[in-house]
């Protein structure tokens, strides 16, 4: 028996020889792997489109952002001073000692006597210079207020009929105290409720209740 591939052995016809093992090509797997990577990346990236964008940080924590603003503390106004209580404005200390309303005329001197348009209201006070320098004082710097909130200025000419240390204007020395009645001409039905006292026409003033 003649063995194949031995010398003298007949050569088999083409196509009938022993089958040769073909080498597998690697490039289809590489291409497929790259394609799979792109698909996975596309799916992962597409999911982010449905998520809301994260807002930029405002620098506040959640607790700070949710905490309501604290309301401003209301300013408590000073209580209005009352009669016979010392109050100060600028370089003077005032004490209101009396109020007289419903006066129709002032003075016996025919040249100085005054007739009220409505009624005279006389507010009497003591005034002390609490500074270390002389200071001018004038009744005309004071203001009277009625129950309707109206403001009245003094009638300095009518005040000349009163016994006063300061009828029109005077300079008060440091440490001295004077008595000063201030006259106001108001409507007959007006009710005086407070007086606003001033060191001068430019001072802030202090209010004293007349009730």
N, C-alpha and C. Protein backbone atom coordinates (compact mmCIF):
# COMPACT_ATOMS: atom_id res chain seq x y z
N UNK A 1 0.85 -1.17 0.00
CA UNK A 1 0.00 0.00 0.00
C UNK A 1 0.88 1.21 0.00
N UNK A 2 0.58 2.05 -0.86
CA UNK A 2 1.39 3.28 -1.00
C UNK A 2 0.80 4.34 -0.13
N UNK A 3 1.62 4.95 0.73
CA UNK A 3 1.15 6.00 1.65
C UNK A 3 1.22 7.33 0.96
N UNK A 4 0.32 8.19 1.28
CA UNK A 4 0.34 9.54 0.68
C UNK A 4 1.61 10.25 1.09
N UNK A 5 2.00 11.13 0.25
CA UNK A 5 3.17 11.97 0.44
C UNK A 5 4.47 11.18 0.40
N UNK A 6 4.36 9.88 0.15
CA UNK A 6 5.58 9.14 -0.01
C UNK A 6 6.03 9.24 -1.46
N UNK A 7 7.32 9.07 -1.65
CA UNK A 7 7.79 9.16 -3.03
C UNK A 7 7.11 8.12 -3.89
N UNK A 8 6.67 8.55 -5.01
CA UNK A 8 6.00 7.67 -5.94
C UNK A 8 4.53 7.60 -5.72
N UNK A 9 4.07 8.21 -4.67
CA UNK A 9 2.62 8.18 -4.41
C UNK A 9 1.93 9.09 -5.38
N UNK A 10 0.78 8.66 -5.84
CA UNK A 10 0.05 9.51 -6.80
C UNK A 10 -0.43 10.79 -6.15
N UNK A 11 -0.40 11.87 -6.91
CA UNK A 11 -0.85 13.20 -6.41
C UNK A 11 -2.34 13.30 -6.59
N UNK A 12 -3.06 13.59 -5.54
CA UNK A 12 -4.53 13.70 -5.68
C UNK A 12 -4.89 14.88 -6.54
N UNK A 13 -5.98 14.75 -7.20
CA UNK A 13 -6.41 15.87 -8.06
C UNK A 13 -6.75 17.10 -7.24
N UNK A 14 -6.74 18.27 -7.91
CA UNK A 14 -6.99 19.55 -7.23
C UNK A 14 -8.35 19.53 -6.61
N UNK A 15 -8.43 20.07 -5.42
CA UNK A 15 -9.71 20.13 -4.72
C UNK A 15 -9.97 18.94 -3.87
N UNK A 16 -9.14 17.92 -3.95
CA UNK A 16 -9.36 16.72 -3.16
C UNK A 16 -8.24 16.50 -2.15
N UNK A 17 -7.35 17.43 -2.05
CA UNK A 17 -6.28 17.27 -1.07
C UNK A 17 -6.80 17.50 0.34
N UNK A 18 -5.98 17.27 1.33
CA UNK A 18 -6.41 17.51 2.72
C UNK A 18 -6.77 18.96 2.94
N UNK A 19 -7.84 19.18 3.64
CA UNK A 19 -8.33 20.56 3.83
C UNK A 19 -7.36 21.35 4.68
N UNK A 20 -7.11 22.62 4.26
CA UNK A 20 -6.22 23.52 5.02
C UNK A 20 -7.07 24.44 5.90
N UNK A 21 -6.65 24.60 7.17
CA UNK A 21 -7.41 25.45 8.11
C UNK A 21 -7.15 26.90 7.78
N UNK A 22 -8.30 27.62 7.59
CA UNK A 22 -8.21 29.05 7.25
C UNK A 22 -7.99 29.88 8.51
N UNK A 23 -7.21 30.94 8.36
CA UNK A 23 -6.97 31.88 9.48
C UNK A 23 -8.16 32.83 9.61
N UNK A 24 -8.64 33.03 10.90
CA UNK A 24 -9.75 33.95 11.14
C UNK A 24 -9.26 35.41 11.09
N UNK A 25 -10.08 36.21 10.45
CA UNK A 25 -9.74 37.65 10.33
C UNK A 25 -10.18 38.38 11.60
N UNK A 26 -9.32 39.22 12.18
CA UNK A 26 -9.59 39.93 13.44
C UNK A 26 -10.28 41.27 13.23
N UNK A 27 -10.23 41.90 12.05
CA UNK A 27 -10.74 43.28 11.92
C UNK A 27 -12.24 43.39 12.12
N UNK A 28 -13.08 42.36 11.76
CA UNK A 28 -14.52 42.55 12.05
C UNK A 28 -14.80 42.69 13.53
N UNK A 29 -14.04 42.01 14.39
CA UNK A 29 -14.27 42.12 15.83
C UNK A 29 -13.84 43.49 16.35
N UNK A 30 -12.77 43.99 15.81
CA UNK A 30 -12.30 45.33 16.25
C UNK A 30 -13.32 46.40 15.90
N UNK A 31 -13.80 46.32 14.64
CA UNK A 31 -14.80 47.30 14.19
C UNK A 31 -16.06 47.19 15.03
N UNK A 32 -16.48 45.95 15.30
CA UNK A 32 -17.69 45.75 16.10
C UNK A 32 -17.53 46.29 17.50
N UNK A 33 -16.34 46.13 18.08
CA UNK A 33 -16.11 46.64 19.44
C UNK A 33 -16.18 48.15 19.49
N UNK A 34 -15.57 48.79 18.46
CA UNK A 34 -15.61 50.25 18.41
C UNK A 34 -17.04 50.74 18.27
N UNK A 35 -17.82 50.08 17.42
CA UNK A 35 -19.22 50.45 17.20
C UNK A 35 -20.02 50.33 18.50
N UNK A 36 -19.76 49.24 19.26
CA UNK A 36 -20.47 49.02 20.53
C UNK A 36 -20.15 50.14 21.52
N UNK A 37 -18.87 50.56 21.54
CA UNK A 37 -18.49 51.64 22.44
C UNK A 37 -19.25 52.91 22.13
N UNK A 38 -19.36 53.24 20.82
CA UNK A 38 -20.08 54.44 20.41
C UNK A 38 -21.55 54.35 20.79
N UNK A 39 -22.14 53.19 20.66
CA UNK A 39 -23.56 53.01 20.99
C UNK A 39 -23.78 53.22 22.47
N UNK A 40 -22.93 52.64 23.32
CA UNK A 40 -23.07 52.77 24.77
C UNK A 40 -22.88 54.23 25.19
N UNK A 41 -21.90 54.88 24.60
CA UNK A 41 -21.66 56.28 24.93
C UNK A 41 -22.83 57.15 24.53
N UNK A 42 -23.44 56.84 23.37
CA UNK A 42 -24.58 57.63 22.89
C UNK A 42 -25.77 57.48 23.81
N UNK A 43 -26.02 56.23 24.25
CA UNK A 43 -27.15 55.98 25.15
C UNK A 43 -26.93 56.67 26.49
N UNK A 44 -25.71 56.59 27.02
CA UNK A 44 -25.41 57.20 28.32
C UNK A 44 -25.54 58.71 28.24
N UNK A 45 -25.06 59.31 27.16
CA UNK A 45 -25.13 60.77 27.00
C UNK A 45 -26.54 61.24 26.77
N UNK A 46 -27.35 60.49 26.07
CA UNK A 46 -28.71 60.91 25.78
C UNK A 46 -29.57 60.96 27.00
N UNK A 47 -29.26 60.13 28.01
CA UNK A 47 -30.06 60.13 29.23
C UNK A 47 -29.93 61.43 30.00
N UNK A 48 -28.82 62.12 29.81
CA UNK A 48 -28.61 63.36 30.56
C UNK A 48 -29.49 64.49 30.05
N UNK A 49 -30.01 64.38 28.80
CA UNK A 49 -30.80 65.48 28.24
C UNK A 49 -32.10 65.67 28.99
N UNK A 50 -32.61 64.57 29.61
CA UNK A 50 -33.89 64.67 30.29
C UNK A 50 -33.75 65.18 31.72
N UNK A 51 -32.52 65.29 32.22
CA UNK A 51 -32.31 65.73 33.59
C UNK A 51 -32.24 67.24 33.63
N UNK A 52 -32.92 67.88 34.62
CA UNK A 52 -32.86 69.34 34.70
C UNK A 52 -31.45 69.78 35.06
N UNK A 53 -31.08 70.92 34.50
CA UNK A 53 -29.75 71.44 34.76
C UNK A 53 -29.65 71.86 36.21
N UNK A 54 -28.50 71.59 36.79
CA UNK A 54 -28.28 71.96 38.19
C UNK A 54 -28.07 73.45 38.28
N UNK A 55 -28.89 74.19 39.07
CA UNK A 55 -28.73 75.63 39.14
C UNK A 55 -27.40 76.01 39.75
N UNK A 56 -26.91 77.16 39.33
CA UNK A 56 -25.63 77.63 39.85
C UNK A 56 -25.77 77.95 41.31
N UNK A 57 -24.73 77.68 42.05
CA UNK A 57 -24.75 77.92 43.49
C UNK A 57 -24.81 79.40 43.77
N UNK A 58 -25.67 79.82 44.70
CA UNK A 58 -25.80 81.23 45.04
C UNK A 58 -24.92 81.62 46.21
N UNK A 59 -24.17 80.63 46.74
CA UNK A 59 -23.32 80.93 47.88
C UNK A 59 -24.03 80.76 49.20
N UNK A 60 -25.36 80.41 49.19
CA UNK A 60 -26.13 80.20 50.41
C UNK A 60 -26.44 78.73 50.55
N UNK A 61 -26.45 78.28 51.75
CA UNK A 61 -26.86 76.90 52.00
C UNK A 61 -28.36 76.81 51.91
N UNK A 62 -28.88 75.57 51.85
CA UNK A 62 -30.32 75.40 51.75
C UNK A 62 -31.02 76.00 52.94
N UNK A 63 -30.39 75.89 54.11
CA UNK A 63 -31.01 76.45 55.31
C UNK A 63 -31.08 77.95 55.22
N UNK A 64 -30.00 78.58 54.71
CA UNK A 64 -30.00 80.02 54.57
C UNK A 64 -31.01 80.49 53.55
N UNK A 65 -31.16 79.77 52.47
CA UNK A 65 -32.07 80.18 51.41
C UNK A 65 -33.51 80.08 51.85
N UNK A 66 -33.82 79.06 52.69
CA UNK A 66 -35.20 78.86 53.10
C UNK A 66 -35.58 79.68 54.31
N UNK A 67 -34.60 80.29 54.98
CA UNK A 67 -34.89 81.05 56.18
C UNK A 67 -35.42 82.42 55.81
N UNK A 68 -36.63 82.80 56.25
CA UNK A 68 -37.17 84.11 55.90
C UNK A 68 -36.37 85.22 56.54
N UNK A 69 -36.35 86.37 55.87
CA UNK A 69 -35.61 87.50 56.39
C UNK A 69 -36.24 87.98 57.69
N UNK A 70 -35.38 88.35 58.63
CA UNK A 70 -35.87 88.83 59.92
C UNK A 70 -36.36 90.25 59.77
N UNK A 71 -37.57 90.51 60.20
CA UNK A 71 -38.14 91.85 60.08
C UNK A 71 -37.34 92.83 60.93
N UNK A 72 -37.24 94.07 60.44
CA UNK A 72 -36.53 95.10 61.19
C UNK A 72 -37.23 95.33 62.52
N UNK A 73 -36.42 95.50 63.54
CA UNK A 73 -36.99 95.77 64.84
C UNK A 73 -37.65 97.13 64.84
N UNK A 74 -38.93 97.20 65.20
CA UNK A 74 -39.61 98.49 65.17
C UNK A 74 -38.96 99.48 66.10
N UNK A 75 -38.87 100.72 65.67
CA UNK A 75 -38.28 101.77 66.48
C UNK A 75 -39.30 102.23 67.50
N UNK A 76 -38.92 102.20 68.75
CA UNK A 76 -39.82 102.65 69.81
C UNK A 76 -39.63 104.14 70.01
N UNK A 77 -40.67 104.90 69.76
CA UNK A 77 -40.58 106.34 69.91
C UNK A 77 -40.59 106.71 71.39
N UNK A 78 -39.88 107.80 71.69
CA UNK A 78 -39.86 108.27 73.07
C UNK A 78 -41.24 108.77 73.46
N UNK A 79 -41.62 108.50 74.69
CA UNK A 79 -42.90 108.98 75.18
C UNK A 79 -42.84 110.50 75.32
N UNK A 80 -43.96 111.14 75.03
CA UNK A 80 -44.03 112.59 75.17
C UNK A 80 -43.95 112.96 76.64
N UNK A 81 -43.12 113.95 76.95
CA UNK A 81 -42.97 114.39 78.34
C UNK A 81 -44.25 115.07 78.81
N UNK A 82 -44.40 115.14 80.10
CA UNK A 82 -45.58 115.76 80.69
C UNK A 82 -45.21 117.06 81.39
N UNK A 83 -46.21 117.80 81.80
CA UNK A 83 -45.98 119.06 82.51
C UNK A 83 -45.26 118.81 83.83
N UNK A 84 -44.52 119.82 84.27
CA UNK A 84 -43.75 119.80 85.52
C UNK A 84 -42.62 118.77 85.48
N UNK A 85 -42.25 118.36 84.28
CA UNK A 85 -41.13 117.44 84.09
C UNK A 85 -40.03 118.15 83.30
N UNK A 86 -38.79 118.17 83.79
CA UNK A 86 -37.71 118.84 83.05
C UNK A 86 -37.42 118.12 81.72
N UNK A 87 -37.32 118.90 80.67
CA UNK A 87 -36.94 118.38 79.35
C UNK A 87 -35.86 119.29 78.79
N UNK A 88 -35.05 118.74 77.90
CA UNK A 88 -33.95 119.53 77.36
C UNK A 88 -33.95 119.55 75.84
N UNK A 89 -33.58 120.71 75.33
CA UNK A 89 -33.34 120.86 73.90
C UNK A 89 -32.17 121.82 73.75
N UNK A 90 -31.11 121.36 73.13
CA UNK A 90 -29.94 122.20 72.97
C UNK A 90 -29.34 122.60 74.30
N UNK A 91 -29.20 123.91 74.54
CA UNK A 91 -28.55 124.42 75.75
C UNK A 91 -29.53 124.85 76.83
N UNK A 92 -30.82 124.52 76.62
CA UNK A 92 -31.82 124.92 77.60
C UNK A 92 -32.56 123.72 78.19
N UNK A 93 -32.93 123.86 79.47
CA UNK A 93 -33.80 122.90 80.13
C UNK A 93 -35.13 123.60 80.41
N UNK A 94 -36.23 122.99 79.95
CA UNK A 94 -37.56 123.58 80.09
C UNK A 94 -38.39 122.79 81.09
N UNK A 95 -39.24 123.51 81.85
CA UNK A 95 -40.24 122.88 82.69
C UNK A 95 -41.55 123.64 82.49
N UNK A 96 -42.54 122.99 81.88
CA UNK A 96 -43.84 123.62 81.67
C UNK A 96 -44.62 123.54 82.97
N UNK A 97 -45.03 124.70 83.49
CA UNK A 97 -45.66 124.74 84.81
C UNK A 97 -47.15 125.07 84.78
N UNK A 98 -47.67 125.57 83.66
CA UNK A 98 -49.10 125.89 83.65
C UNK A 98 -49.62 126.23 82.27
N UNK A 99 -50.95 126.04 82.09
CA UNK A 99 -51.64 126.36 80.84
C UNK A 99 -52.95 127.07 81.18
N UNK A 100 -53.19 128.18 80.51
CA UNK A 100 -54.45 128.91 80.68
C UNK A 100 -55.05 129.15 79.30
N UNK A 101 -56.28 128.71 79.11
CA UNK A 101 -56.95 128.87 77.82
C UNK A 101 -58.22 129.72 77.98
N UNK A 102 -58.77 130.13 76.82
CA UNK A 102 -60.04 130.87 76.82
C UNK A 102 -59.93 132.33 77.20
N UNK A 103 -58.74 132.93 77.08
CA UNK A 103 -58.54 134.34 77.41
C UNK A 103 -58.85 135.18 76.17
N UNK A 104 -59.74 136.17 76.30
CA UNK A 104 -60.14 136.96 75.14
C UNK A 104 -59.30 138.22 74.97
N UNK A 105 -58.87 138.85 76.06
CA UNK A 105 -58.06 140.08 75.98
C UNK A 105 -56.90 140.00 76.96
N UNK A 106 -55.84 140.75 76.65
CA UNK A 106 -54.68 140.82 77.54
C UNK A 106 -54.25 142.28 77.68
N UNK A 107 -54.04 142.71 78.92
CA UNK A 107 -53.47 144.03 79.17
C UNK A 107 -54.50 145.09 79.51
N UNK A 108 -54.07 146.02 80.38
CA UNK A 108 -54.89 147.17 80.76
C UNK A 108 -54.43 148.44 80.06
N UNK A 109 -53.21 148.43 79.57
CA UNK A 109 -52.67 149.60 78.89
C UNK A 109 -53.34 149.71 77.52
N UNK A 110 -54.01 150.85 77.23
CA UNK A 110 -54.71 150.96 75.95
C UNK A 110 -53.78 150.91 74.74
N UNK A 111 -52.51 151.19 74.97
CA UNK A 111 -51.55 151.16 73.86
C UNK A 111 -50.97 149.76 73.61
N UNK A 112 -51.04 148.90 74.62
CA UNK A 112 -50.46 147.56 74.50
C UNK A 112 -51.50 146.45 74.55
N UNK A 113 -52.70 146.76 74.99
CA UNK A 113 -53.74 145.73 75.15
C UNK A 113 -53.97 145.00 73.82
N UNK A 114 -54.24 143.74 73.93
CA UNK A 114 -54.43 142.90 72.73
C UNK A 114 -55.76 142.16 72.83
N UNK A 115 -56.44 142.10 71.71
CA UNK A 115 -57.71 141.38 71.60
C UNK A 115 -57.45 140.11 70.77
N UNK A 116 -57.91 139.00 71.30
CA UNK A 116 -57.67 137.73 70.59
C UNK A 116 -58.56 137.60 69.36
N UNK A 117 -58.05 137.07 68.31
CA UNK A 117 -58.86 136.74 67.13
C UNK A 117 -59.82 135.60 67.48
N UNK A 118 -59.35 134.69 68.28
CA UNK A 118 -60.17 133.59 68.77
C UNK A 118 -60.11 133.55 70.28
N UNK A 119 -59.10 132.86 70.80
CA UNK A 119 -58.82 132.82 72.24
C UNK A 119 -57.32 132.83 72.45
N UNK A 120 -56.89 133.49 73.52
CA UNK A 120 -55.49 133.41 73.90
C UNK A 120 -55.29 132.18 74.78
N UNK A 121 -54.21 131.44 74.49
CA UNK A 121 -53.79 130.32 75.33
C UNK A 121 -52.39 130.67 75.82
N UNK A 122 -52.22 130.68 77.13
CA UNK A 122 -50.95 131.08 77.73
C UNK A 122 -50.29 129.84 78.35
N UNK A 123 -49.10 129.52 77.86
CA UNK A 123 -48.33 128.39 78.40
C UNK A 123 -47.14 128.97 79.14
N UNK A 124 -47.07 128.71 80.46
CA UNK A 124 -45.99 129.25 81.29
C UNK A 124 -44.95 128.18 81.56
N UNK A 125 -43.68 128.58 81.50
CA UNK A 125 -42.57 127.62 81.70
C UNK A 125 -41.38 128.31 82.34
N UNK A 126 -40.52 127.53 82.97
CA UNK A 126 -39.21 128.02 83.40
C UNK A 126 -38.17 127.48 82.43
N UNK A 127 -37.15 128.29 82.18
CA UNK A 127 -36.10 127.90 81.24
C UNK A 127 -34.74 128.14 81.89
N UNK A 128 -33.88 127.11 81.90
CA UNK A 128 -32.55 127.22 82.50
C UNK A 128 -31.48 127.02 81.44
N UNK A 129 -30.46 127.86 81.49
CA UNK A 129 -29.30 127.72 80.60
C UNK A 129 -28.36 126.69 81.23
N UNK A 130 -28.25 125.53 80.60
CA UNK A 130 -27.43 124.44 81.15
C UNK A 130 -26.05 124.37 80.51
N UNK A 131 -25.72 125.36 79.69
CA UNK A 131 -24.41 125.37 79.03
C UNK A 131 -23.43 126.22 79.83
N UNK A 132 -22.24 126.41 79.29
CA UNK A 132 -21.24 127.25 79.95
C UNK A 132 -21.03 128.57 79.21
N UNK A 133 -21.99 128.91 78.34
CA UNK A 133 -21.91 130.15 77.58
C UNK A 133 -23.27 130.85 77.60
N UNK A 134 -23.32 132.17 77.47
CA UNK A 134 -24.60 132.87 77.36
C UNK A 134 -25.35 132.39 76.12
N UNK A 135 -26.68 132.34 76.22
CA UNK A 135 -27.49 131.82 75.12
C UNK A 135 -28.77 132.63 75.00
N UNK A 136 -29.08 133.02 73.74
CA UNK A 136 -30.29 133.80 73.49
C UNK A 136 -31.53 132.92 73.53
N UNK A 137 -32.62 133.45 74.11
CA UNK A 137 -33.89 132.73 74.22
C UNK A 137 -35.01 133.61 73.68
N UNK A 138 -35.91 132.98 72.89
CA UNK A 138 -37.02 133.73 72.32
C UNK A 138 -38.32 132.93 72.40
N UNK A 139 -39.43 133.54 72.84
CA UNK A 139 -40.73 132.86 72.83
C UNK A 139 -41.19 132.47 71.43
N UNK A 140 -40.76 133.21 70.43
CA UNK A 140 -41.23 132.98 69.06
C UNK A 140 -40.72 131.66 68.47
N UNK A 141 -39.75 131.00 69.14
CA UNK A 141 -39.24 129.72 68.65
C UNK A 141 -40.10 128.54 69.10
N UNK A 142 -41.11 128.78 69.92
CA UNK A 142 -41.94 127.71 70.47
C UNK A 142 -43.19 127.53 69.61
N UNK A 143 -43.75 126.30 69.62
CA UNK A 143 -44.92 125.98 68.79
C UNK A 143 -45.98 125.27 69.63
N UNK A 144 -47.23 125.64 69.43
CA UNK A 144 -48.34 124.99 70.12
C UNK A 144 -49.09 124.08 69.15
N UNK A 145 -49.54 122.92 69.63
CA UNK A 145 -50.22 121.94 68.77
C UNK A 145 -51.58 121.63 69.38
N UNK A 146 -52.63 121.63 68.52
CA UNK A 146 -53.96 121.31 69.04
C UNK A 146 -54.33 119.86 68.74
N UNK A 147 -55.55 119.45 69.14
CA UNK A 147 -55.97 118.07 69.01
C UNK A 147 -56.15 117.63 67.56
N UNK A 148 -56.21 118.60 66.64
CA UNK A 148 -56.30 118.26 65.22
C UNK A 148 -54.93 118.18 64.55
N UNK A 149 -53.88 118.39 65.33
CA UNK A 149 -52.53 118.33 64.78
C UNK A 149 -52.07 119.63 64.15
N UNK A 150 -52.85 120.68 64.30
CA UNK A 150 -52.47 121.98 63.74
C UNK A 150 -51.42 122.64 64.63
N UNK A 151 -50.53 123.42 64.00
CA UNK A 151 -49.44 124.08 64.70
C UNK A 151 -49.67 125.59 64.73
N UNK A 152 -49.43 126.21 65.89
CA UNK A 152 -49.65 127.64 66.06
C UNK A 152 -48.37 128.31 66.55
N UNK A 153 -48.11 129.51 66.03
CA UNK A 153 -46.95 130.28 66.43
C UNK A 153 -47.35 131.29 67.52
N UNK A 154 -46.39 131.74 68.31
CA UNK A 154 -46.70 132.66 69.42
C UNK A 154 -47.12 134.06 68.94
N UNK A 155 -47.88 134.74 69.78
CA UNK A 155 -48.24 136.15 69.58
C UNK A 155 -47.38 136.95 70.55
N UNK A 156 -46.19 137.37 70.08
CA UNK A 156 -45.23 138.03 70.97
C UNK A 156 -45.68 139.42 71.38
N UNK A 157 -46.47 140.08 70.54
CA UNK A 157 -46.95 141.42 70.92
C UNK A 157 -47.96 141.34 72.06
N UNK A 158 -48.82 140.31 72.03
CA UNK A 158 -49.78 140.14 73.13
C UNK A 158 -49.05 139.78 74.42
N UNK A 159 -47.90 139.08 74.33
CA UNK A 159 -47.16 138.67 75.51
C UNK A 159 -46.53 139.86 76.24
N UNK A 160 -46.45 141.03 75.60
CA UNK A 160 -45.90 142.21 76.26
C UNK A 160 -46.77 142.66 77.43
N UNK A 161 -48.02 142.21 77.46
CA UNK A 161 -48.94 142.57 78.54
C UNK A 161 -48.77 141.66 79.77
N UNK A 162 -47.88 140.69 79.71
CA UNK A 162 -47.70 139.75 80.80
C UNK A 162 -46.43 140.06 81.59
N UNK A 163 -46.42 139.62 82.84
CA UNK A 163 -45.23 139.75 83.68
C UNK A 163 -44.29 138.60 83.30
N UNK A 164 -43.27 138.92 82.52
CA UNK A 164 -42.39 137.88 81.98
C UNK A 164 -40.95 138.31 82.03
N UNK A 165 -40.05 137.35 82.31
CA UNK A 165 -38.62 137.63 82.24
C UNK A 165 -38.16 137.75 80.79
N UNK A 166 -38.87 137.09 79.89
CA UNK A 166 -38.49 137.11 78.47
C UNK A 166 -39.77 137.33 77.66
N UNK A 167 -40.10 138.56 77.35
CA UNK A 167 -41.31 138.86 76.59
C UNK A 167 -41.07 138.71 75.09
N UNK A 168 -39.89 139.13 74.64
CA UNK A 168 -39.61 139.10 73.21
C UNK A 168 -38.34 138.30 72.89
N UNK A 169 -37.24 138.69 73.53
CA UNK A 169 -35.95 137.99 73.36
C UNK A 169 -35.04 138.43 74.49
N UNK A 170 -34.22 137.49 74.98
CA UNK A 170 -33.25 137.85 76.01
C UNK A 170 -32.11 136.85 75.98
N UNK A 171 -30.96 137.31 76.47
CA UNK A 171 -29.80 136.43 76.55
C UNK A 171 -29.68 135.93 77.98
N UNK A 172 -29.66 134.61 78.14
CA UNK A 172 -29.62 133.99 79.46
C UNK A 172 -28.20 133.52 79.74
N UNK A 173 -27.67 133.90 80.88
CA UNK A 173 -26.31 133.50 81.25
C UNK A 173 -26.29 132.07 81.77
N UNK A 174 -25.11 131.41 81.73
CA UNK A 174 -25.01 130.02 82.18
C UNK A 174 -25.49 129.85 83.62
N UNK A 175 -26.30 128.83 83.86
CA UNK A 175 -26.79 128.53 85.20
C UNK A 175 -28.01 129.32 85.62
N UNK A 176 -28.41 130.35 84.88
CA UNK A 176 -29.56 131.15 85.25
C UNK A 176 -30.87 130.52 84.77
N UNK A 177 -31.94 130.80 85.52
CA UNK A 177 -33.27 130.30 85.18
C UNK A 177 -34.24 131.47 85.09
N UNK A 178 -35.05 131.49 84.05
CA UNK A 178 -36.04 132.55 83.85
C UNK A 178 -37.43 131.95 83.73
N UNK A 179 -38.45 132.80 83.96
CA UNK A 179 -39.83 132.39 83.76
C UNK A 179 -40.33 133.04 82.48
N UNK A 180 -40.93 132.22 81.61
CA UNK A 180 -41.35 132.73 80.30
C UNK A 180 -42.75 132.23 79.95
N UNK A 181 -43.79 133.09 80.06
CA UNK A 181 -45.10 132.73 79.54
C UNK A 181 -45.14 133.00 78.04
N UNK A 182 -45.69 132.05 77.28
CA UNK A 182 -45.78 132.18 75.82
C UNK A 182 -47.25 132.22 75.45
N UNK A 183 -47.65 133.22 74.64
CA UNK A 183 -49.04 133.42 74.29
C UNK A 183 -49.31 132.96 72.87
N UNK A 184 -50.42 132.24 72.68
CA UNK A 184 -50.84 131.77 71.36
C UNK A 184 -52.29 132.20 71.11
N UNK A 185 -52.59 132.62 69.91
CA UNK A 185 -53.95 133.00 69.52
C UNK A 185 -54.54 131.84 68.70
N UNK A 186 -55.54 131.17 69.27
CA UNK A 186 -56.11 129.98 68.64
C UNK A 186 -57.62 130.17 68.44
N UNK A 187 -58.23 129.36 67.56
CA UNK A 187 -59.69 129.40 67.44
C UNK A 187 -60.36 129.07 68.77
N UNK A 188 -61.55 129.59 68.96
CA UNK A 188 -62.25 129.40 70.23
C UNK A 188 -62.47 127.92 70.54
N UNK A 189 -62.76 127.14 69.51
CA UNK A 189 -63.04 125.72 69.74
C UNK A 189 -61.79 124.83 69.69
N UNK A 190 -60.61 125.42 69.52
CA UNK A 190 -59.38 124.62 69.46
C UNK A 190 -58.98 124.20 70.87
N UNK A 191 -58.46 122.96 70.97
CA UNK A 191 -58.02 122.42 72.26
C UNK A 191 -56.51 122.19 72.20
N UNK A 192 -55.72 122.95 72.97
CA UNK A 192 -54.26 122.72 72.97
C UNK A 192 -53.92 121.40 73.63
N UNK A 193 -53.09 120.61 72.96
CA UNK A 193 -52.73 119.30 73.50
C UNK A 193 -51.24 119.15 73.80
N UNK A 194 -50.38 119.92 73.12
CA UNK A 194 -48.93 119.78 73.34
C UNK A 194 -48.22 121.04 72.91
N UNK A 195 -47.04 121.22 73.45
CA UNK A 195 -46.19 122.34 73.03
C UNK A 195 -44.82 121.79 72.65
N UNK A 196 -44.28 122.32 71.56
CA UNK A 196 -42.98 121.90 71.07
C UNK A 196 -41.98 122.99 71.43
N UNK A 197 -41.01 122.66 72.28
CA UNK A 197 -40.06 123.63 72.82
C UNK A 197 -38.73 123.55 72.09
N UNK A 198 -38.16 124.74 71.81
CA UNK A 198 -36.93 124.80 71.01
C UNK A 198 -35.89 125.69 71.67
N UNK A 199 -34.66 125.23 71.60
CA UNK A 199 -33.50 126.01 72.00
C UNK A 199 -33.33 127.21 71.06
N UNK A 200 -33.63 126.99 69.79
CA UNK A 200 -33.58 128.05 68.77
C UNK A 200 -34.46 127.61 67.62
N UNK A 201 -34.61 128.46 66.63
CA UNK A 201 -35.45 128.10 65.47
C UNK A 201 -34.86 126.95 64.65
N UNK A 202 -33.58 126.64 64.85
CA UNK A 202 -32.92 125.59 64.09
C UNK A 202 -32.78 124.28 64.87
N UNK A 203 -33.23 124.24 66.11
CA UNK A 203 -33.04 123.04 66.93
C UNK A 203 -34.12 122.00 66.63
N UNK A 204 -33.86 120.75 67.07
CA UNK A 204 -34.81 119.66 66.82
C UNK A 204 -36.10 119.77 67.61
N UNK A 205 -36.02 120.35 68.83
CA UNK A 205 -37.20 120.53 69.64
C UNK A 205 -37.55 119.32 70.48
N UNK A 206 -38.35 119.56 71.52
CA UNK A 206 -38.83 118.51 72.41
C UNK A 206 -40.29 118.80 72.69
N UNK A 207 -41.14 117.75 72.70
CA UNK A 207 -42.57 117.93 72.86
C UNK A 207 -43.02 117.60 74.28
N UNK A 208 -43.88 118.47 74.81
CA UNK A 208 -44.43 118.28 76.15
C UNK A 208 -45.94 118.25 76.05
N UNK A 209 -46.57 117.21 76.61
CA UNK A 209 -48.02 117.09 76.59
C UNK A 209 -48.64 118.08 77.58
N UNK A 210 -49.75 118.69 77.17
CA UNK A 210 -50.46 119.65 78.03
C UNK A 210 -51.70 119.04 78.64
N UNK A 211 -51.91 117.74 78.44
CA UNK A 211 -53.10 117.07 78.98
C UNK A 211 -52.82 116.48 80.35
